[in-house]
């Protein structure tokens, strides 16, 4: 039997990779597709830890390629579940690059992925609740519902009028009165 709830720390995953020649583009920087693969792997492990189930990727939010990661750099990916819904989980991934000889480390990428827990037949299964503790965990938890509604609206799986959390960000009556 699965637990009724879990904490964020139960799903934390840290993965470290080194950028090798086969991982790079013609500018000797890490290829975006390789980074997305690593992000998907670390996020899936995090979602599996939370759900104790096999998981499948349901969506990937915007990934901005803020800083290139060079050949020979060490890449550290950190993932954690930010919120669990009925059968899905939002996972936050942060990527750091490190040039060890130069003693430089920097944040390079951040993203939210969504996973669905499934059984042996590939059918969705219920996941434990997430109980945030820290202030940052609470902030991610609260924002997850807005991000979820935005994903569903953009995928045309939710009517924008039903996205109450998104609508609460805007005072639509006040905007209409100003026009």
N, C-alpha and C. Protein backbone atom coordinates (compact mmCIF):
# COMPACT_ATOMS: atom_id res chain seq x y z
N UNK A 1 0.84 -1.20 0.00
CA UNK A 1 0.00 0.00 0.00
C UNK A 1 0.88 1.25 0.00
N UNK A 2 0.47 2.25 -0.75
CA UNK A 2 1.24 3.48 -0.87
C UNK A 2 0.93 4.42 0.29
N UNK A 3 1.93 5.26 0.59
CA UNK A 3 1.74 6.25 1.66
C UNK A 3 0.67 7.26 1.25
N UNK A 4 0.02 7.85 2.27
CA UNK A 4 -1.00 8.88 2.01
C UNK A 4 -0.34 10.17 1.56
N UNK A 5 0.86 10.47 2.09
CA UNK A 5 1.57 11.66 1.66
C UNK A 5 3.07 11.46 1.82
N UNK A 6 3.81 12.33 1.11
CA UNK A 6 5.27 12.35 1.20
C UNK A 6 5.73 13.80 1.27
N UNK A 7 6.98 13.96 1.65
CA UNK A 7 7.60 15.29 1.70
C UNK A 7 8.46 15.49 0.46
N UNK A 8 8.78 16.74 0.17
CA UNK A 8 9.60 17.08 -0.99
C UNK A 8 10.93 16.35 -0.92
N UNK A 9 11.56 16.33 0.25
CA UNK A 9 12.89 15.71 0.39
C UNK A 9 12.87 14.23 -0.01
N UNK A 10 11.71 13.58 0.08
CA UNK A 10 11.60 12.17 -0.31
C UNK A 10 11.81 11.98 -1.81
N UNK A 11 11.61 13.04 -2.59
CA UNK A 11 11.72 12.93 -4.05
C UNK A 11 12.98 13.59 -4.61
N UNK A 12 13.82 14.14 -3.77
CA UNK A 12 15.00 14.85 -4.26
C UNK A 12 15.98 13.90 -4.95
N UNK A 13 16.47 14.34 -6.10
CA UNK A 13 17.44 13.57 -6.87
C UNK A 13 18.52 14.53 -7.35
N UNK A 14 19.77 14.12 -7.23
CA UNK A 14 20.89 14.88 -7.77
C UNK A 14 21.65 13.95 -8.71
N UNK A 15 21.84 14.39 -9.94
CA UNK A 15 22.52 13.60 -10.96
C UNK A 15 23.67 14.43 -11.50
N UNK A 16 24.81 13.82 -11.69
CA UNK A 16 25.99 14.53 -12.19
C UNK A 16 26.50 13.85 -13.46
N UNK A 17 26.79 14.66 -14.45
CA UNK A 17 27.31 14.17 -15.73
C UNK A 17 28.48 15.06 -16.15
N UNK A 18 29.35 14.54 -17.01
CA UNK A 18 30.42 15.34 -17.59
C UNK A 18 30.14 15.48 -19.08
N UNK A 19 30.35 16.69 -19.61
CA UNK A 19 30.13 16.94 -21.03
C UNK A 19 31.33 16.38 -21.80
N UNK A 20 31.06 15.35 -22.58
CA UNK A 20 32.09 14.69 -23.38
C UNK A 20 31.94 15.08 -24.85
N UNK A 21 32.96 14.82 -25.67
CA UNK A 21 32.88 15.25 -27.08
C UNK A 21 31.62 14.79 -27.81
N UNK A 22 31.14 13.59 -27.55
CA UNK A 22 29.95 13.09 -28.23
C UNK A 22 28.67 13.82 -27.80
N UNK A 23 28.73 14.61 -26.72
CA UNK A 23 27.57 15.34 -26.21
C UNK A 23 27.48 16.77 -26.77
N UNK A 24 28.45 17.17 -27.60
CA UNK A 24 28.55 18.58 -27.98
C UNK A 24 28.13 18.86 -29.41
N UNK A 25 27.88 20.15 -29.64
CA UNK A 25 27.58 20.63 -30.98
C UNK A 25 28.88 21.12 -31.63
N UNK A 26 28.78 21.77 -32.78
CA UNK A 26 29.99 22.22 -33.50
C UNK A 26 30.72 23.36 -32.79
N UNK A 27 30.11 23.96 -31.79
CA UNK A 27 30.77 25.02 -31.01
C UNK A 27 31.38 24.46 -29.72
N UNK A 28 31.38 23.12 -29.59
CA UNK A 28 31.89 22.44 -28.39
C UNK A 28 31.11 22.77 -27.13
N UNK A 29 29.80 23.02 -27.30
CA UNK A 29 28.89 23.22 -26.17
C UNK A 29 27.92 22.04 -26.13
N UNK A 30 27.41 21.77 -24.94
CA UNK A 30 26.45 20.69 -24.75
C UNK A 30 25.25 20.90 -25.66
N UNK A 31 24.85 19.86 -26.39
CA UNK A 31 23.67 19.94 -27.25
C UNK A 31 22.41 20.04 -26.39
N UNK A 32 21.48 20.87 -26.82
CA UNK A 32 20.25 21.07 -26.08
C UNK A 32 19.47 19.79 -25.89
N UNK A 33 19.43 18.94 -26.91
CA UNK A 33 18.70 17.69 -26.82
C UNK A 33 19.29 16.74 -25.78
N UNK A 34 20.60 16.75 -25.65
CA UNK A 34 21.25 15.91 -24.65
C UNK A 34 20.88 16.40 -23.25
N UNK A 35 20.90 17.73 -23.07
CA UNK A 35 20.53 18.29 -21.77
C UNK A 35 19.07 17.96 -21.45
N UNK A 36 18.18 18.08 -22.44
CA UNK A 36 16.77 17.76 -22.20
C UNK A 36 16.60 16.29 -21.82
N UNK A 37 17.40 15.41 -22.43
CA UNK A 37 17.38 13.99 -22.08
C UNK A 37 17.76 13.80 -20.62
N UNK A 38 18.87 14.43 -20.19
CA UNK A 38 19.30 14.33 -18.80
C UNK A 38 18.24 14.87 -17.85
N UNK A 39 17.61 16.00 -18.24
CA UNK A 39 16.57 16.59 -17.40
C UNK A 39 15.38 15.65 -17.26
N UNK A 40 15.00 15.00 -18.35
CA UNK A 40 13.89 14.06 -18.33
C UNK A 40 14.21 12.87 -17.42
N UNK A 41 15.44 12.38 -17.49
CA UNK A 41 15.83 11.23 -16.66
C UNK A 41 15.80 11.59 -15.18
N UNK A 42 16.43 12.72 -14.80
CA UNK A 42 16.47 13.08 -13.37
C UNK A 42 15.07 13.38 -12.84
N UNK A 43 14.24 14.01 -13.66
CA UNK A 43 12.87 14.32 -13.23
C UNK A 43 12.03 13.04 -13.10
N UNK A 44 12.22 12.09 -14.00
CA UNK A 44 11.48 10.83 -13.93
C UNK A 44 11.85 10.06 -12.66
N UNK A 45 13.12 10.06 -12.31
CA UNK A 45 13.54 9.37 -11.07
C UNK A 45 12.88 10.03 -9.87
N UNK A 46 12.84 11.36 -9.86
CA UNK A 46 12.20 12.08 -8.77
C UNK A 46 10.72 11.71 -8.66
N UNK A 47 10.03 11.70 -9.80
CA UNK A 47 8.59 11.36 -9.81
C UNK A 47 8.38 9.91 -9.38
N UNK A 48 9.27 9.02 -9.78
CA UNK A 48 9.15 7.62 -9.35
C UNK A 48 9.34 7.50 -7.85
N UNK A 49 10.30 8.24 -7.30
CA UNK A 49 10.50 8.20 -5.85
C UNK A 49 9.26 8.66 -5.10
N UNK A 50 8.60 9.68 -5.65
CA UNK A 50 7.40 10.18 -4.98
C UNK A 50 6.25 9.18 -5.10
N UNK A 51 6.06 8.65 -6.28
CA UNK A 51 4.88 7.82 -6.54
C UNK A 51 5.08 6.33 -6.28
N UNK A 52 6.32 5.89 -6.19
CA UNK A 52 6.61 4.45 -6.10
C UNK A 52 5.97 3.70 -7.26
N UNK A 53 5.96 4.35 -8.43
CA UNK A 53 5.36 3.77 -9.63
C UNK A 53 6.23 4.08 -10.84
N UNK A 54 5.96 3.38 -11.91
CA UNK A 54 6.52 3.75 -13.20
C UNK A 54 5.85 5.06 -13.59
N UNK A 55 6.60 5.95 -14.24
CA UNK A 55 6.03 7.24 -14.64
C UNK A 55 6.30 7.49 -16.12
N UNK A 56 5.45 8.30 -16.71
CA UNK A 56 5.64 8.73 -18.10
C UNK A 56 5.61 10.25 -18.14
N UNK A 57 6.39 10.82 -19.03
CA UNK A 57 6.43 12.27 -19.19
C UNK A 57 5.13 12.73 -19.85
N UNK A 58 4.45 13.68 -19.22
CA UNK A 58 3.20 14.20 -19.76
C UNK A 58 3.40 15.56 -20.44
N UNK A 59 4.28 16.39 -19.86
CA UNK A 59 4.55 17.70 -20.46
C UNK A 59 5.86 18.26 -19.94
N UNK A 60 6.39 19.17 -20.74
CA UNK A 60 7.61 19.87 -20.38
C UNK A 60 7.33 21.35 -20.58
N UNK A 61 7.55 22.13 -19.53
CA UNK A 61 7.38 23.58 -19.68
C UNK A 61 8.57 24.16 -20.43
N UNK A 62 8.52 25.41 -20.66
CA UNK A 62 9.56 26.13 -21.36
C UNK A 62 10.94 25.87 -20.75
N UNK A 63 11.89 25.51 -21.60
CA UNK A 63 13.29 25.39 -21.17
C UNK A 63 14.05 26.50 -21.88
N UNK A 64 14.55 27.45 -21.12
CA UNK A 64 15.33 28.53 -21.70
C UNK A 64 16.81 28.18 -21.58
N UNK A 65 17.51 28.28 -22.69
CA UNK A 65 18.93 27.98 -22.69
C UNK A 65 19.68 29.27 -22.36
N UNK A 66 19.78 29.52 -21.06
CA UNK A 66 20.33 30.76 -20.52
C UNK A 66 21.83 30.89 -20.77
N UNK A 67 22.58 29.85 -20.44
CA UNK A 67 24.04 29.87 -20.59
C UNK A 67 24.51 28.58 -21.24
N UNK A 68 25.44 28.67 -22.18
CA UNK A 68 25.96 27.44 -22.77
C UNK A 68 26.80 26.67 -21.75
N UNK A 69 26.88 25.37 -21.95
CA UNK A 69 27.69 24.50 -21.09
C UNK A 69 28.76 23.89 -21.98
N UNK A 70 30.01 24.13 -21.64
CA UNK A 70 31.13 23.78 -22.50
C UNK A 70 31.61 22.34 -22.33
N UNK A 71 32.28 21.87 -23.36
CA UNK A 71 32.95 20.58 -23.34
C UNK A 71 33.85 20.50 -22.11
N UNK A 72 33.76 19.41 -21.38
CA UNK A 72 34.58 19.22 -20.19
C UNK A 72 33.94 19.71 -18.90
N UNK A 73 32.88 20.51 -19.01
CA UNK A 73 32.19 20.98 -17.80
C UNK A 73 31.47 19.82 -17.12
N UNK A 74 31.27 19.96 -15.82
CA UNK A 74 30.48 19.02 -15.05
C UNK A 74 29.09 19.61 -14.90
N UNK A 75 28.07 18.81 -15.16
CA UNK A 75 26.69 19.26 -15.10
C UNK A 75 26.01 18.56 -13.92
N UNK A 76 25.40 19.36 -13.04
CA UNK A 76 24.66 18.81 -11.91
C UNK A 76 23.20 19.17 -12.10
N UNK A 77 22.36 18.15 -12.08
CA UNK A 77 20.92 18.34 -12.23
C UNK A 77 20.25 17.98 -10.92
N UNK A 78 19.41 18.89 -10.42
CA UNK A 78 18.68 18.65 -9.17
C UNK A 78 17.19 18.66 -9.49
N UNK A 79 16.49 17.64 -9.01
CA UNK A 79 15.05 17.54 -9.27
C UNK A 79 14.30 17.25 -7.98
N UNK A 80 13.07 17.76 -7.91
CA UNK A 80 12.19 17.47 -6.77
C UNK A 80 10.75 17.68 -7.18
N UNK A 81 9.86 16.88 -6.62
CA UNK A 81 8.44 17.05 -6.87
C UNK A 81 7.97 18.31 -6.14
N UNK A 82 7.22 19.15 -6.84
CA UNK A 82 6.72 20.39 -6.25
C UNK A 82 5.25 20.27 -5.83
N UNK A 83 4.53 19.37 -6.51
CA UNK A 83 3.12 19.15 -6.15
C UNK A 83 2.65 17.85 -6.80
N UNK A 84 1.79 17.16 -6.10
CA UNK A 84 1.17 15.95 -6.63
C UNK A 84 -0.32 16.21 -6.77
N UNK A 85 -0.87 15.82 -7.89
CA UNK A 85 -2.30 15.95 -8.11
C UNK A 85 -2.89 14.54 -7.94
N UNK A 86 -3.87 14.17 -8.68
CA UNK A 86 -4.48 12.85 -8.50
C UNK A 86 -3.54 11.73 -8.99
N UNK A 87 -3.15 11.81 -10.26
CA UNK A 87 -2.25 10.80 -10.84
C UNK A 87 -0.99 11.43 -11.40
N UNK A 88 -0.91 12.75 -11.39
CA UNK A 88 0.24 13.44 -11.97
C UNK A 88 1.04 14.19 -10.91
N UNK A 89 2.28 14.51 -11.29
CA UNK A 89 3.18 15.24 -10.40
C UNK A 89 3.95 16.27 -11.22
N UNK A 90 4.12 17.44 -10.64
CA UNK A 90 4.98 18.45 -11.25
C UNK A 90 6.36 18.30 -10.60
N UNK A 91 7.40 18.31 -11.43
CA UNK A 91 8.78 18.18 -10.95
C UNK A 91 9.57 19.41 -11.41
N UNK A 92 10.29 20.02 -10.48
CA UNK A 92 11.15 21.16 -10.78
C UNK A 92 12.58 20.66 -10.96
N UNK A 93 13.23 21.10 -12.03
CA UNK A 93 14.61 20.73 -12.30
C UNK A 93 15.44 21.99 -12.41
N UNK A 94 16.58 21.99 -11.73
CA UNK A 94 17.54 23.07 -11.85
C UNK A 94 18.87 22.47 -12.27
N UNK A 95 19.52 23.12 -13.24
CA UNK A 95 20.76 22.62 -13.80
C UNK A 95 21.89 23.61 -13.49
N UNK A 96 22.98 23.05 -13.02
CA UNK A 96 24.19 23.84 -12.73
C UNK A 96 25.33 23.32 -13.58
N UNK A 97 26.16 24.22 -14.07
CA UNK A 97 27.35 23.83 -14.82
C UNK A 97 28.56 24.26 -14.01
N UNK A 98 29.63 23.46 -14.13
CA UNK A 98 30.83 23.75 -13.35
C UNK A 98 32.07 23.53 -14.21
N UNK A 99 32.87 24.56 -14.28
CA UNK A 99 34.19 24.46 -14.90
C UNK A 99 35.16 24.27 -13.74
N UNK A 100 35.50 23.03 -13.45
CA UNK A 100 36.29 22.73 -12.25
C UNK A 100 37.67 23.37 -12.29
N UNK A 101 38.45 23.27 -13.40
CA UNK A 101 39.77 23.91 -13.40
C UNK A 101 39.73 25.42 -13.16
N UNK A 102 38.67 26.09 -13.64
CA UNK A 102 38.54 27.54 -13.46
C UNK A 102 37.84 27.89 -12.15
N UNK A 103 37.38 26.88 -11.41
CA UNK A 103 36.67 27.09 -10.14
C UNK A 103 35.43 27.98 -10.32
N UNK A 104 34.65 27.72 -11.41
CA UNK A 104 33.44 28.50 -11.70
C UNK A 104 32.24 27.57 -11.75
N UNK A 105 31.20 27.94 -11.01
CA UNK A 105 29.95 27.19 -11.02
C UNK A 105 28.80 28.18 -11.22
N UNK A 106 27.83 27.81 -12.07
CA UNK A 106 26.72 28.72 -12.33
C UNK A 106 25.45 27.94 -12.65
N UNK A 107 24.32 28.58 -12.37
CA UNK A 107 23.02 28.02 -12.73
C UNK A 107 22.82 28.25 -14.22
N UNK A 108 22.43 27.21 -14.94
CA UNK A 108 22.30 27.36 -16.38
C UNK A 108 20.89 27.16 -16.91
N UNK A 109 20.07 26.32 -16.29
CA UNK A 109 18.74 26.02 -16.81
C UNK A 109 17.80 25.68 -15.66
N UNK A 110 16.51 25.95 -15.88
CA UNK A 110 15.46 25.57 -14.93
C UNK A 110 14.24 25.19 -15.75
N UNK A 111 13.45 24.26 -15.23
CA UNK A 111 12.23 23.88 -15.94
C UNK A 111 11.31 23.09 -15.01
N UNK A 112 10.06 22.99 -15.42
CA UNK A 112 9.07 22.15 -14.74
C UNK A 112 8.63 21.09 -15.74
N UNK A 113 8.64 19.83 -15.30
CA UNK A 113 8.16 18.71 -16.09
C UNK A 113 6.95 18.13 -15.35
N UNK A 114 6.04 17.53 -16.09
CA UNK A 114 4.90 16.85 -15.48
C UNK A 114 4.95 15.38 -15.86
N UNK A 115 4.73 14.53 -14.87
CA UNK A 115 4.73 13.09 -15.06
C UNK A 115 3.41 12.51 -14.57
N UNK A 116 3.01 11.39 -15.16
CA UNK A 116 1.85 10.64 -14.71
C UNK A 116 2.33 9.27 -14.27
N UNK A 117 1.87 8.84 -13.09
CA UNK A 117 2.19 7.51 -12.59
C UNK A 117 1.26 6.51 -13.27
N UNK A 118 1.84 5.37 -13.69
CA UNK A 118 1.04 4.37 -14.38
C UNK A 118 1.29 2.98 -13.82
N UNK A 119 0.33 2.09 -14.07
CA UNK A 119 0.48 0.69 -13.66
C UNK A 119 1.11 -0.12 -14.80
N UNK A 120 1.13 -1.44 -14.66
CA UNK A 120 1.76 -2.33 -15.66
C UNK A 120 1.09 -2.24 -17.03
N UNK A 121 -0.17 -1.87 -17.06
CA UNK A 121 -0.90 -1.75 -18.33
C UNK A 121 -0.80 -0.33 -18.90
N UNK A 122 -0.11 0.56 -18.21
CA UNK A 122 0.01 1.93 -18.68
C UNK A 122 -1.15 2.81 -18.28
N UNK A 123 -1.99 2.34 -17.35
CA UNK A 123 -3.13 3.13 -16.91
C UNK A 123 -2.74 3.99 -15.71
N UNK A 124 -3.22 5.23 -15.64
CA UNK A 124 -2.86 6.11 -14.53
C UNK A 124 -3.25 5.55 -13.17
N UNK A 125 -2.38 5.78 -12.19
CA UNK A 125 -2.65 5.35 -10.81
C UNK A 125 -2.49 6.55 -9.88
N UNK A 126 -3.21 6.50 -8.78
CA UNK A 126 -3.19 7.57 -7.78
C UNK A 126 -1.79 7.69 -7.16
N UNK A 127 -1.39 8.92 -6.87
CA UNK A 127 -0.09 9.17 -6.24
C UNK A 127 -0.31 9.78 -4.86
N UNK A 128 0.68 9.63 -3.97
CA UNK A 128 0.55 10.22 -2.63
C UNK A 128 0.50 11.75 -2.72
N UNK A 129 -0.14 12.36 -1.74
CA UNK A 129 -0.14 13.82 -1.61
C UNK A 129 1.28 14.29 -1.32
N UNK A 130 1.54 15.55 -1.58
CA UNK A 130 2.83 16.14 -1.21
C UNK A 130 2.58 17.14 -0.08
N UNK A 131 3.36 17.05 0.98
CA UNK A 131 3.26 17.98 2.11
C UNK A 131 4.48 18.89 2.12
N UNK A 132 4.32 20.12 1.61
CA UNK A 132 5.46 21.06 1.64
C UNK A 132 5.73 21.53 3.06
N UNK A 133 7.00 21.80 3.36
CA UNK A 133 7.36 22.23 4.71
C UNK A 133 7.98 23.63 4.69
N UNK A 134 9.03 23.81 3.90
CA UNK A 134 9.75 25.09 3.90
C UNK A 134 8.97 26.15 3.13
N UNK A 135 9.41 27.39 3.27
CA UNK A 135 8.77 28.50 2.58
C UNK A 135 8.87 28.33 1.06
N UNK A 136 10.05 27.92 0.59
CA UNK A 136 10.24 27.72 -0.85
C UNK A 136 9.38 26.56 -1.36
N UNK A 137 9.28 25.48 -0.59
CA UNK A 137 8.43 24.36 -0.97
C UNK A 137 6.97 24.81 -1.07
N UNK A 138 6.53 25.66 -0.14
CA UNK A 138 5.15 26.18 -0.16
C UNK A 138 4.93 27.05 -1.40
N UNK A 139 5.92 27.86 -1.74
CA UNK A 139 5.82 28.75 -2.90
C UNK A 139 5.68 27.93 -4.19
N UNK A 140 6.54 26.92 -4.36
CA UNK A 140 6.44 26.05 -5.53
C UNK A 140 5.09 25.32 -5.55
N UNK A 141 4.65 24.85 -4.39
CA UNK A 141 3.39 24.10 -4.26
C UNK A 141 2.21 24.97 -4.71
N UNK A 142 2.15 26.20 -4.21
CA UNK A 142 1.04 27.09 -4.57
C UNK A 142 1.07 27.44 -6.06
N UNK A 143 2.25 27.71 -6.59
CA UNK A 143 2.38 28.06 -8.01
C UNK A 143 2.07 26.91 -8.94
N UNK A 144 2.20 25.69 -8.46
CA UNK A 144 1.99 24.51 -9.31
C UNK A 144 0.57 24.44 -9.87
N UNK A 145 -0.41 24.85 -9.09
CA UNK A 145 -1.79 24.80 -9.58
C UNK A 145 -1.99 25.79 -10.73
N UNK A 146 -1.41 26.99 -10.61
CA UNK A 146 -1.50 27.97 -11.71
C UNK A 146 -0.78 27.44 -12.96
N UNK A 147 0.43 26.87 -12.76
CA UNK A 147 1.17 26.34 -13.90
C UNK A 147 0.39 25.19 -14.55
N UNK A 148 -0.26 24.37 -13.73
CA UNK A 148 -1.04 23.24 -14.26
C UNK A 148 -2.22 23.75 -15.09
N UNK A 149 -2.92 24.74 -14.56
CA UNK A 149 -4.06 25.29 -15.30
C UNK A 149 -3.60 25.92 -16.62
N UNK A 150 -2.46 26.60 -16.59
CA UNK A 150 -1.93 27.20 -17.82
C UNK A 150 -1.59 26.10 -18.84
N UNK A 151 -0.95 25.02 -18.40
CA UNK A 151 -0.64 23.89 -19.30
C UNK A 151 -1.92 23.34 -19.92
N UNK A 152 -2.95 23.14 -19.07
CA UNK A 152 -4.20 22.55 -19.56
C UNK A 152 -4.92 23.49 -20.53
N UNK A 153 -4.90 24.79 -20.25
CA UNK A 153 -5.54 25.76 -21.15
C UNK A 153 -4.81 25.77 -22.49
N UNK A 154 -3.47 25.82 -22.45
CA UNK A 154 -2.69 25.84 -23.69
C UNK A 154 -2.85 24.56 -24.50
N UNK A 155 -3.07 23.44 -23.83
CA UNK A 155 -3.29 22.16 -24.51
C UNK A 155 -4.74 21.98 -24.93
N UNK A 156 -5.56 23.00 -24.66
CA UNK A 156 -7.00 22.97 -24.98
C UNK A 156 -7.71 21.83 -24.25
N UNK A 157 -7.23 21.53 -23.04
CA UNK A 157 -7.87 20.50 -22.21
C UNK A 157 -8.64 21.14 -21.06
N UNK A 158 -8.61 22.49 -20.99
CA UNK A 158 -9.37 23.22 -19.98
C UNK A 158 -9.85 24.52 -20.61
N UNK A 159 -11.09 24.87 -20.32
CA UNK A 159 -11.64 26.14 -20.77
C UNK A 159 -10.99 27.25 -19.95
N UNK A 160 -10.49 28.30 -20.60
CA UNK A 160 -9.86 29.39 -19.84
C UNK A 160 -10.76 29.96 -18.74
N UNK A 161 -12.07 29.94 -18.97
CA UNK A 161 -12.99 30.46 -17.95
C UNK A 161 -13.00 29.59 -16.69
N UNK A 162 -12.59 28.34 -16.81
CA UNK A 162 -12.55 27.44 -15.65
C UNK A 162 -11.22 27.49 -14.90
N UNK A 163 -10.27 28.22 -15.41
CA UNK A 163 -8.94 28.30 -14.79
C UNK A 163 -8.95 29.35 -13.68
N UNK A 164 -9.60 29.02 -12.59
CA UNK A 164 -9.82 29.99 -11.50
C UNK A 164 -8.53 30.52 -10.89
N UNK A 165 -7.52 29.68 -10.76
CA UNK A 165 -6.25 30.13 -10.19
C UNK A 165 -5.56 31.13 -11.10
N UNK A 166 -5.63 30.89 -12.41
CA UNK A 166 -5.05 31.84 -13.37
C UNK A 166 -5.84 33.14 -13.38
N UNK A 167 -7.17 33.04 -13.38
CA UNK A 167 -8.01 34.24 -13.41
C UNK A 167 -7.78 35.09 -12.17
N UNK A 168 -7.46 34.47 -11.03
CA UNK A 168 -7.26 35.23 -9.80
C UNK A 168 -6.04 36.14 -9.87
N UNK A 169 -5.13 35.86 -10.82
CA UNK A 169 -3.95 36.72 -10.98
C UNK A 169 -4.31 38.07 -11.62
N UNK A 170 -5.47 38.11 -12.29
CA UNK A 170 -5.89 39.29 -13.01
C UNK A 170 -7.25 39.74 -12.50
N UNK A 171 -7.40 41.02 -12.25
CA UNK A 171 -8.70 41.56 -11.90
C UNK A 171 -9.37 42.00 -13.19
N UNK A 172 -10.05 41.05 -13.84
CA UNK A 172 -10.61 41.31 -15.18
C UNK A 172 -11.68 42.38 -15.16
N UNK A 173 -12.46 42.51 -14.09
CA UNK A 173 -13.49 43.55 -14.01
C UNK A 173 -12.84 44.93 -14.00
N UNK A 174 -11.75 45.05 -13.23
CA UNK A 174 -11.07 46.35 -13.16
C UNK A 174 -10.44 46.71 -14.50
N UNK A 175 -9.89 45.75 -15.21
CA UNK A 175 -9.28 46.01 -16.53
C UNK A 175 -10.37 46.47 -17.50
N UNK A 176 -11.54 45.82 -17.47
CA UNK A 176 -12.63 46.17 -18.37
C UNK A 176 -13.15 47.58 -18.13
N UNK A 177 -13.12 48.06 -16.86
CA UNK A 177 -13.61 49.39 -16.53
C UNK A 177 -12.65 50.48 -17.01
N UNK A 178 -11.36 50.17 -17.15
CA UNK A 178 -10.38 51.16 -17.57
C UNK A 178 -10.44 51.41 -19.07
N UNK A 179 -11.00 50.45 -19.82
CA UNK A 179 -11.01 50.61 -21.30
C UNK A 179 -12.12 51.49 -21.76
